[in-house]
C-alpha atoms as a PDB file:
ATOM      1  CA  UNK A   1     116.963 182.976  30.764  1.00  0.00           C
ATOM      2  CA  UNK A   2     116.781 184.483  34.296  1.00  0.00           C
ATOM      3  CA  UNK A   3     115.059 187.571  32.881  1.00  0.00           C
ATOM      4  CA  UNK A   4     112.107 185.540  31.603  1.00  0.00           C
ATOM      5  CA  UNK A   5     111.494 183.631  34.847  1.00  0.00           C
ATOM      6  CA  UNK A   6     109.422 186.328  36.626  1.00  0.00           C
ATOM      7  CA  UNK A   7     106.960 186.644  33.725  1.00  0.00           C
ATOM      8  CA  UNK A   8     106.515 182.864  33.620  1.00  0.00           C
ATOM      9  CA  UNK A   9     105.820 182.802  37.337  1.00  0.00           C
ATOM     10  CA  UNK A  10     103.401 185.697  36.968  1.00  0.00           C
ATOM     11  CA  UNK A  11     101.599 183.843  34.207  1.00  0.00           C
ATOM     12  CA  UNK A  12     101.214 180.722  36.353  1.00  0.00           C
ATOM     13  CA  UNK A  13      99.917 182.772  39.251  1.00  0.00           C
ATOM     14  CA  UNK A  14      97.451 184.551  36.974  1.00  0.00           C
ATOM     15  CA  UNK A  15      96.187 181.218  35.632  1.00  0.00           C
ATOM     16  CA  UNK A  16      95.733 179.892  39.171  1.00  0.00           C
ATOM     17  CA  UNK A  17      93.844 183.059  40.091  1.00  0.00           C
ATOM     18  CA  UNK A  18      91.572 182.611  37.097  1.00  0.00           C
ATOM     19  CA  UNK A  19      90.816 179.006  38.028  1.00  0.00           C
ATOM     20  CA  UNK A  20      90.014 180.008  41.598  1.00  0.00           C
ATOM     21  CA  UNK A  21      87.760 182.875  40.553  1.00  0.00           C
ATOM     22  CA  UNK A  22      85.951 180.817  37.920  1.00  0.00           C
ATOM     23  CA  UNK A  23      85.441 177.903  40.310  1.00  0.00           C
ATOM     24  CA  UNK A  24      83.637 180.099  42.814  1.00  0.00           C
ATOM     25  CA  UNK A  25      81.455 181.700  40.150  1.00  0.00           C
ATOM     26  CA  UNK A  26      80.599 178.436  38.376  1.00  0.00           C
ATOM     27  CA  UNK A  27      79.690 176.854  41.715  1.00  0.00           C
ATOM     28  CA  UNK A  28      77.458 179.830  42.601  1.00  0.00           C
ATOM     29  CA  UNK A  29      75.864 180.681  39.244  1.00  0.00           C
ATOM     30  CA  UNK A  30      76.476 177.672  37.000  1.00  0.00           C
ATOM     31  CA  UNK A  31      78.347 177.489  33.708  1.00  0.00           C
ATOM     32  CA  UNK A  32      75.652 179.190  31.649  1.00  0.00           C
ATOM     33  CA  UNK A  33      75.037 181.884  34.239  1.00  0.00           C
ATOM     34  CA  UNK A  34      78.680 182.966  34.497  1.00  0.00           C
ATOM     35  CA  UNK A  35      80.257 185.321  31.972  1.00  0.00           C
ATOM     36  CA  UNK A  36      83.923 185.719  31.130  1.00  0.00           C
ATOM     37  CA  UNK A  37      83.572 189.382  32.106  1.00  0.00           C
ATOM     38  CA  UNK A  38      82.529 188.338  35.616  1.00  0.00           C
ATOM     39  CA  UNK A  39      85.425 185.906  35.810  1.00  0.00           C
ATOM     40  CA  UNK A  40      87.871 188.617  34.740  1.00  0.00           C
ATOM     41  CA  UNK A  41      86.477 191.031  37.330  1.00  0.00           C
ATOM     42  CA  UNK A  42      86.687 188.431  40.117  1.00  0.00           C
ATOM     43  CA  UNK A  43      90.282 187.622  39.151  1.00  0.00           C
ATOM     44  CA  UNK A  44      91.221 191.305  38.891  1.00  0.00           C
ATOM     45  CA  UNK A  45      92.330 191.162  35.244  1.00  0.00           C
ATOM     46  CA  UNK A  46      91.004 192.163  31.846  1.00  0.00           C
ATOM     47  CA  UNK A  47      88.645 189.959  29.863  1.00  0.00           C
ATOM     48  CA  UNK A  48      91.278 189.827  27.103  1.00  0.00           C
ATOM     49  CA  UNK A  49      93.698 188.158  29.529  1.00  0.00           C
ATOM     50  CA  UNK A  50      91.076 185.541  30.379  1.00  0.00           C
ATOM     51  CA  UNK A  51      90.942 184.539  26.703  1.00  0.00           C
ATOM     52  CA  UNK A  52      94.734 184.597  26.490  1.00  0.00           C
ATOM     53  CA  UNK A  53      94.937 181.824  29.074  1.00  0.00           C
ATOM     54  CA  UNK A  54      91.679 180.042  28.232  1.00  0.00           C
ATOM     55  CA  UNK A  55      90.227 180.610  24.736  1.00  0.00           C
ATOM     56  CA  UNK A  56      86.781 179.387  25.830  1.00  0.00           C
ATOM     57  CA  UNK A  57      84.792 178.936  29.022  1.00  0.00           C
ATOM     58  CA  UNK A  58      84.826 175.225  28.279  1.00  0.00           C
ATOM     59  CA  UNK A  59      88.644 175.192  28.364  1.00  0.00           C
ATOM     60  CA  UNK A  60      88.545 176.965  31.712  1.00  0.00           C
ATOM     61  CA  UNK A  61      86.000 174.484  33.057  1.00  0.00           C
ATOM     62  CA  UNK A  62      88.202 171.585  31.932  1.00  0.00           C
ATOM     63  CA  UNK A  63      91.158 173.180  33.727  1.00  0.00           C
ATOM     64  CA  UNK A  64      89.102 173.329  36.921  1.00  0.00           C
ATOM     65  CA  UNK A  65      88.377 169.619  36.655  1.00  0.00           C
ATOM     66  CA  UNK A  66      92.052 168.840  36.113  1.00  0.00           C
ATOM     67  CA  UNK A  67      92.896 170.984  39.141  1.00  0.00           C
ATOM     68  CA  UNK A  68      90.249 169.558  41.439  1.00  0.00           C
ATOM     69  CA  UNK A  69      90.048 165.887  40.489  1.00  0.00           C
ATOM     70  CA  UNK A  70      93.236 164.054  41.450  1.00  0.00           C
ATOM     71  CA  UNK A  71      92.507 160.380  41.909  1.00  0.00           C
ATOM     72  CA  UNK A  72      95.719 158.625  40.922  1.00  0.00           C
ATOM     73  CA  UNK A  73      96.846 157.628  44.409  1.00  0.00           C
ATOM     74  CA  UNK A  74      93.363 156.560  45.487  1.00  0.00           C
ATOM     75  CA  UNK A  75      92.797 154.410  42.388  1.00  0.00           C
ATOM     76  CA  UNK A  76      96.192 152.807  42.925  1.00  0.00           C
ATOM     77  CA  UNK A  77      95.186 151.840  46.471  1.00  0.00           C
ATOM     78  CA  UNK A  78      91.878 150.456  45.193  1.00  0.00           C
ATOM     79  CA  UNK A  79      93.666 148.317  42.596  1.00  0.00           C
ATOM     80  CA  UNK A  80      96.093 146.983  45.198  1.00  0.00           C
ATOM     81  CA  UNK A  81      93.240 146.071  47.541  1.00  0.00           C
ATOM     82  CA  UNK A  82      91.380 144.424  44.645  1.00  0.00           C
ATOM     83  CA  UNK A  83      94.339 142.142  43.979  1.00  0.00           C
ATOM     84  CA  UNK A  84      94.273 141.131  47.638  1.00  0.00           C
ATOM     85  CA  UNK A  85      90.478 140.630  47.562  1.00  0.00           C
ATOM     86  CA  UNK A  86      90.235 142.974  50.530  1.00  0.00           C
ATOM     87  CA  UNK A  87      86.518 143.766  50.341  1.00  0.00           C
ATOM     88  CA  UNK A  88      86.255 145.999  53.364  1.00  0.00           C
ATOM     89  CA  UNK A  89      89.315 148.030  52.420  1.00  0.00           C
ATOM     90  CA  UNK A  90      87.976 148.794  48.928  1.00  0.00           C
ATOM     91  CA  UNK A  91      84.566 149.941  50.143  1.00  0.00           C
ATOM     92  CA  UNK A  92      86.188 151.938  52.958  1.00  0.00           C
ATOM     93  CA  UNK A  93      88.538 153.702  50.528  1.00  0.00           C
ATOM     94  CA  UNK A  94      85.663 154.756  48.285  1.00  0.00           C
ATOM     95  CA  UNK A  95      83.312 155.812  51.086  1.00  0.00           C
ATOM     96  CA  UNK A  96      86.134 157.589  52.881  1.00  0.00           C
ATOM     97  CA  UNK A  97      87.031 159.563  49.791  1.00  0.00           C
ATOM     98  CA  UNK A  98      83.470 160.502  48.900  1.00  0.00           C
ATOM     99  CA  UNK A  99      82.600 161.868  52.367  1.00  0.00           C
ATOM    100  CA  UNK A 100      86.026 162.934  53.637  1.00  0.00           C
ATOM    101  CA  UNK A 101      85.910 165.931  55.994  1.00  0.00           C
ATOM    102  CA  UNK A 102      87.140 169.356  54.995  1.00  0.00           C
ATOM    103  CA  UNK A 103      86.577 168.827  51.265  1.00  0.00           C
ATOM    104  CA  UNK A 104      85.826 171.901  49.174  1.00  0.00           C
ATOM    105  CA  UNK A 105      82.042 171.770  48.460  1.00  0.00           C
ATOM    106  CA  UNK A 106      82.449 173.770  45.237  1.00  0.00           C
ATOM    107  CA  UNK A 107      83.264 170.600  43.302  1.00  0.00           C
ATOM    108  CA  UNK A 108      79.943 169.032  44.242  1.00  0.00           C
ATOM    109  CA  UNK A 109      78.122 172.252  43.370  1.00  0.00           C
ATOM    110  CA  UNK A 110      79.845 172.295  39.983  1.00  0.00           C
ATOM    111  CA  UNK A 111      78.664 168.758  39.334  1.00  0.00           C
ATOM    112  CA  UNK A 112      75.073 169.593  40.245  1.00  0.00           C
ATOM    113  CA  UNK A 113      75.032 172.726  38.102  1.00  0.00           C
ATOM    114  CA  UNK A 114      76.554 170.985  35.093  1.00  0.00           C
ATOM    115  CA  UNK A 115      73.970 168.199  35.327  1.00  0.00           C
ATOM    116  CA  UNK A 116      71.003 170.556  35.763  1.00  0.00           C
ATOM    117  CA  UNK A 117      72.127 172.756  32.882  1.00  0.00           C
ATOM    118  CA  UNK A 118      72.318 169.694  30.654  1.00  0.00           C
ATOM    119  CA  UNK A 119      75.384 170.703  28.656  1.00  0.00           C
ATOM    120  CA  UNK A 120      78.263 168.542  27.477  1.00  0.00           C
ATOM    121  CA  UNK A 121      80.383 169.481  30.477  1.00  0.00           C
ATOM    122  CA  UNK A 122      78.112 167.307  32.594  1.00  0.00           C
ATOM    123  CA  UNK A 123      79.415 164.240  30.739  1.00  0.00           C
ATOM    124  CA  UNK A 124      82.991 165.425  31.198  1.00  0.00           C
ATOM    125  CA  UNK A 125      82.456 165.900  34.909  1.00  0.00           C
ATOM    126  CA  UNK A 126      80.638 162.598  35.360  1.00  0.00           C
ATOM    127  CA  UNK A 127      83.328 160.656  33.523  1.00  0.00           C
ATOM    128  CA  UNK A 128      86.208 162.153  35.487  1.00  0.00           C
ATOM    129  CA  UNK A 129      84.667 162.199  38.912  1.00  0.00           C
ATOM    130  CA  UNK A 130      81.994 159.478  39.172  1.00  0.00           C
ATOM    131  CA  UNK A 131      82.063 156.916  36.370  1.00  0.00           C
ATOM    132  CA  UNK A 132      85.613 155.918  37.242  1.00  0.00           C
ATOM    133  CA  UNK A 133      84.337 154.728  40.647  1.00  0.00           C
ATOM    134  CA  UNK A 134      81.276 152.970  39.245  1.00  0.00           C
ATOM    135  CA  UNK A 135      83.346 151.101  36.658  1.00  0.00           C
ATOM    136  CA  UNK A 136      86.068 149.937  39.027  1.00  0.00           C
ATOM    137  CA  UNK A 137      83.732 148.973  41.837  1.00  0.00           C
ATOM    138  CA  UNK A 138      81.369 147.158  39.458  1.00  0.00           C
ATOM    139  CA  UNK A 139      84.302 145.199  38.000  1.00  0.00           C
ATOM    140  CA  UNK A 140      85.430 144.232  41.499  1.00  0.00           C
ATOM    141  CA  UNK A 141      81.952 143.169  42.579  1.00  0.00           C
ATOM    142  CA  UNK A 142      81.661 141.029  39.434  1.00  0.00           C
ATOM    143  CA  UNK A 143      84.978 139.370  40.277  1.00  0.00           C
ATOM    144  CA  UNK A 144      83.839 138.617  43.829  1.00  0.00           C
ATOM    145  CA  UNK A 145      80.574 137.183  42.491  1.00  0.00           C
ATOM    146  CA  UNK A 146      82.631 134.858  40.292  1.00  0.00           C
ATOM    147  CA  UNK A 147      84.815 133.992  43.301  1.00  0.00           C
ATOM    148  CA  UNK A 148      81.668 132.934  45.146  1.00  0.00           C
ATOM    149  CA  UNK A 149      82.253 135.509  47.897  1.00  0.00           C
ATOM    150  CA  UNK A 150      79.323 137.760  46.899  1.00  0.00           C
ATOM    151  CA  UNK A 151      75.858 136.562  45.962  1.00  0.00           C
ATOM    152  CA  UNK A 152      74.569 136.932  42.403  1.00  0.00           C
ATOM    153  CA  UNK A 153      73.785 140.615  41.879  1.00  0.00           C
ATOM    154  CA  UNK A 154      73.946 143.124  39.052  1.00  0.00           C
ATOM    155  CA  UNK A 155      77.476 144.521  39.601  1.00  0.00           C
ATOM    156  CA  UNK A 156      76.735 147.960  38.176  1.00  0.00           C
ATOM    157  CA  UNK A 157      73.538 148.406  40.172  1.00  0.00           C
ATOM    158  CA  UNK A 158      75.356 147.288  43.319  1.00  0.00           C
ATOM    159  CA  UNK A 159      78.180 149.764  42.672  1.00  0.00           C
ATOM    160  CA  UNK A 160      75.708 152.564  42.009  1.00  0.00           C
ATOM    161  CA  UNK A 161      73.807 151.653  45.155  1.00  0.00           C
ATOM    162  CA  UNK A 162      76.856 151.946  47.387  1.00  0.00           C
ATOM    163  CA  UNK A 163      78.250 155.106  45.803  1.00  0.00           C
ATOM    164  CA  UNK A 164      74.777 156.654  45.697  1.00  0.00           C
ATOM    165  CA  UNK A 165      74.473 156.082  49.424  1.00  0.00           C
ATOM    166  CA  UNK A 166      77.650 157.966  50.282  1.00  0.00           C
ATOM    167  CA  UNK A 167      77.059 160.713  47.697  1.00  0.00           C
ATOM    168  CA  UNK A 168      73.634 161.302  49.267  1.00  0.00           C
ATOM    169  CA  UNK A 169      75.421 161.684  52.594  1.00  0.00           C
ATOM    170  CA  UNK A 170      77.553 164.464  51.080  1.00  0.00           C
ATOM    171  CA  UNK A 171      74.482 166.175  49.647  1.00  0.00           C
ATOM    172  CA  UNK A 172      72.789 166.218  53.040  1.00  0.00           C
ATOM    173  CA  UNK A 173      75.743 167.691  54.895  1.00  0.00           C
ATOM    174  CA  UNK A 174      77.436 169.919  52.307  1.00  0.00           C
ATOM    175  CA  UNK A 175      74.480 171.241  50.311  1.00  0.00           C
ATOM    176  CA  UNK A 176      71.565 171.092  52.755  1.00  0.00           C
ATOM    177  CA  UNK A 177      73.643 171.731  55.891  1.00  0.00           C
ATOM    178  CA  UNK A 178      72.352 168.776  57.925  1.00  0.00           C
ATOM    179  CA  UNK A 179      74.658 168.538  60.975  1.00  0.00           C
ATOM    180  CA  UNK A 180      76.862 165.488  61.455  1.00  0.00           C
ATOM    181  CA  UNK A 181      75.852 163.322  64.411  1.00  0.00           C
ATOM    182  CA  UNK A 182      78.738 160.811  64.271  1.00  0.00           C
ATOM    183  CA  UNK A 183      82.458 160.929  63.681  1.00  0.00           C
ATOM    184  CA  UNK A 184      83.828 160.616  60.140  1.00  0.00           C
ATOM    185  CA  UNK A 185      85.463 157.254  60.870  1.00  0.00           C
ATOM    186  CA  UNK A 186      82.338 155.829  62.493  1.00  0.00           C
ATOM    187  CA  UNK A 187      80.169 157.076  59.621  1.00  0.00           C
ATOM    188  CA  UNK A 188      82.372 155.436  56.974  1.00  0.00           C
ATOM    189  CA  UNK A 189      82.529 152.177  58.935  1.00  0.00           C
ATOM    190  CA  UNK A 190      78.741 152.140  59.390  1.00  0.00           C
ATOM    191  CA  UNK A 191      78.071 152.636  55.675  1.00  0.00           C
ATOM    192  CA  UNK A 192      80.507 149.862  54.749  1.00  0.00           C
ATOM    193  CA  UNK A 193      78.986 147.492  57.330  1.00  0.00           C
ATOM    194  CA  UNK A 194      75.481 148.309  56.162  1.00  0.00           C
ATOM    195  CA  UNK A 195      76.318 147.617  52.531  1.00  0.00           C
ATOM    196  CA  UNK A 196      78.391 144.478  53.025  1.00  0.00           C
ATOM    197  CA  UNK A 197      76.147 142.881  55.672  1.00  0.00           C
ATOM    198  CA  UNK A 198      72.730 144.473  55.146  1.00  0.00           C
ATOM    199  CA  UNK A 199      70.034 145.036  57.767  1.00  0.00           C
ATOM    200  CA  UNK A 200      68.746 141.534  58.357  1.00  0.00           C
ATOM    201  CA  UNK A 201      70.153 139.778  61.423  1.00  0.00           C
ATOM    202  CA  UNK A 202      72.394 136.876  60.411  1.00  0.00           C
ATOM    203  CA  UNK A 203      72.307 133.609  62.404  1.00  0.00           C
ATOM    204  CA  UNK A 204      75.498 132.801  64.285  1.00  0.00           C
ATOM    205  CA  UNK A 205      76.654 130.219  61.699  1.00  0.00           C
ATOM    206  CA  UNK A 206      75.938 132.554  58.809  1.00  0.00           C
ATOM    207  CA  UNK A 207      77.678 135.435  60.570  1.00  0.00           C
ATOM    208  CA  UNK A 208      80.882 133.456  60.898  1.00  0.00           C
ATOM    209  CA  UNK A 209      80.801 132.626  57.191  1.00  0.00           C
ATOM    210  CA  UNK A 210      80.239 136.267  56.270  1.00  0.00           C
ATOM    211  CA  UNK A 211      83.277 137.345  58.226  1.00  0.00           C
ATOM    212  CA  UNK A 212      85.495 134.954  56.302  1.00  0.00           C
ATOM    213  CA  UNK A 213      84.623 136.414  52.905  1.00  0.00           C
ATOM    214  CA  UNK A 214      84.841 140.090  53.864  1.00  0.00           C
END
């Protein structure tokens, strides 16, 4: 048993190296524009070893998603806040996650490439990384509409509107390089305030009522 441990460790390290190399190439050149030969060269191994670990590029792409998208803890916090009807906390959790500082921009680039290339991996990516937020937030908004706390709106459009706002923020700063002009915390708080309260000034009596439901 001890004699086999080094090879197992080496195999895990090789797989991690492949995922890292492929992630950078997919983010730079897209799925269709990246070859397994290029991935092997970037990882410093033979192309045959690439296929030993991942029989297809699609399998490698799926492994990247599994590596990059870890949402269990966040979704648990969202569910807990939903039970408490904590509106501000839910929107803050989602906005904070979508525009958190220091995040690896390759994941966003992978999403954009997969969508532009129009292959099936776009659906895989969307389902794992975006739809889960739309569905949960839309369900929560619908519940708050039924509670009488939110006005009558299309829950899915409302969810898409909020998430679209913060995703656009990421595009501006991570893809187009627009400099940040406010702190992360202040930015998240401003987006949540804007979405929950809108732009129109609320009379004093209405403002007090709004605070009670959010």
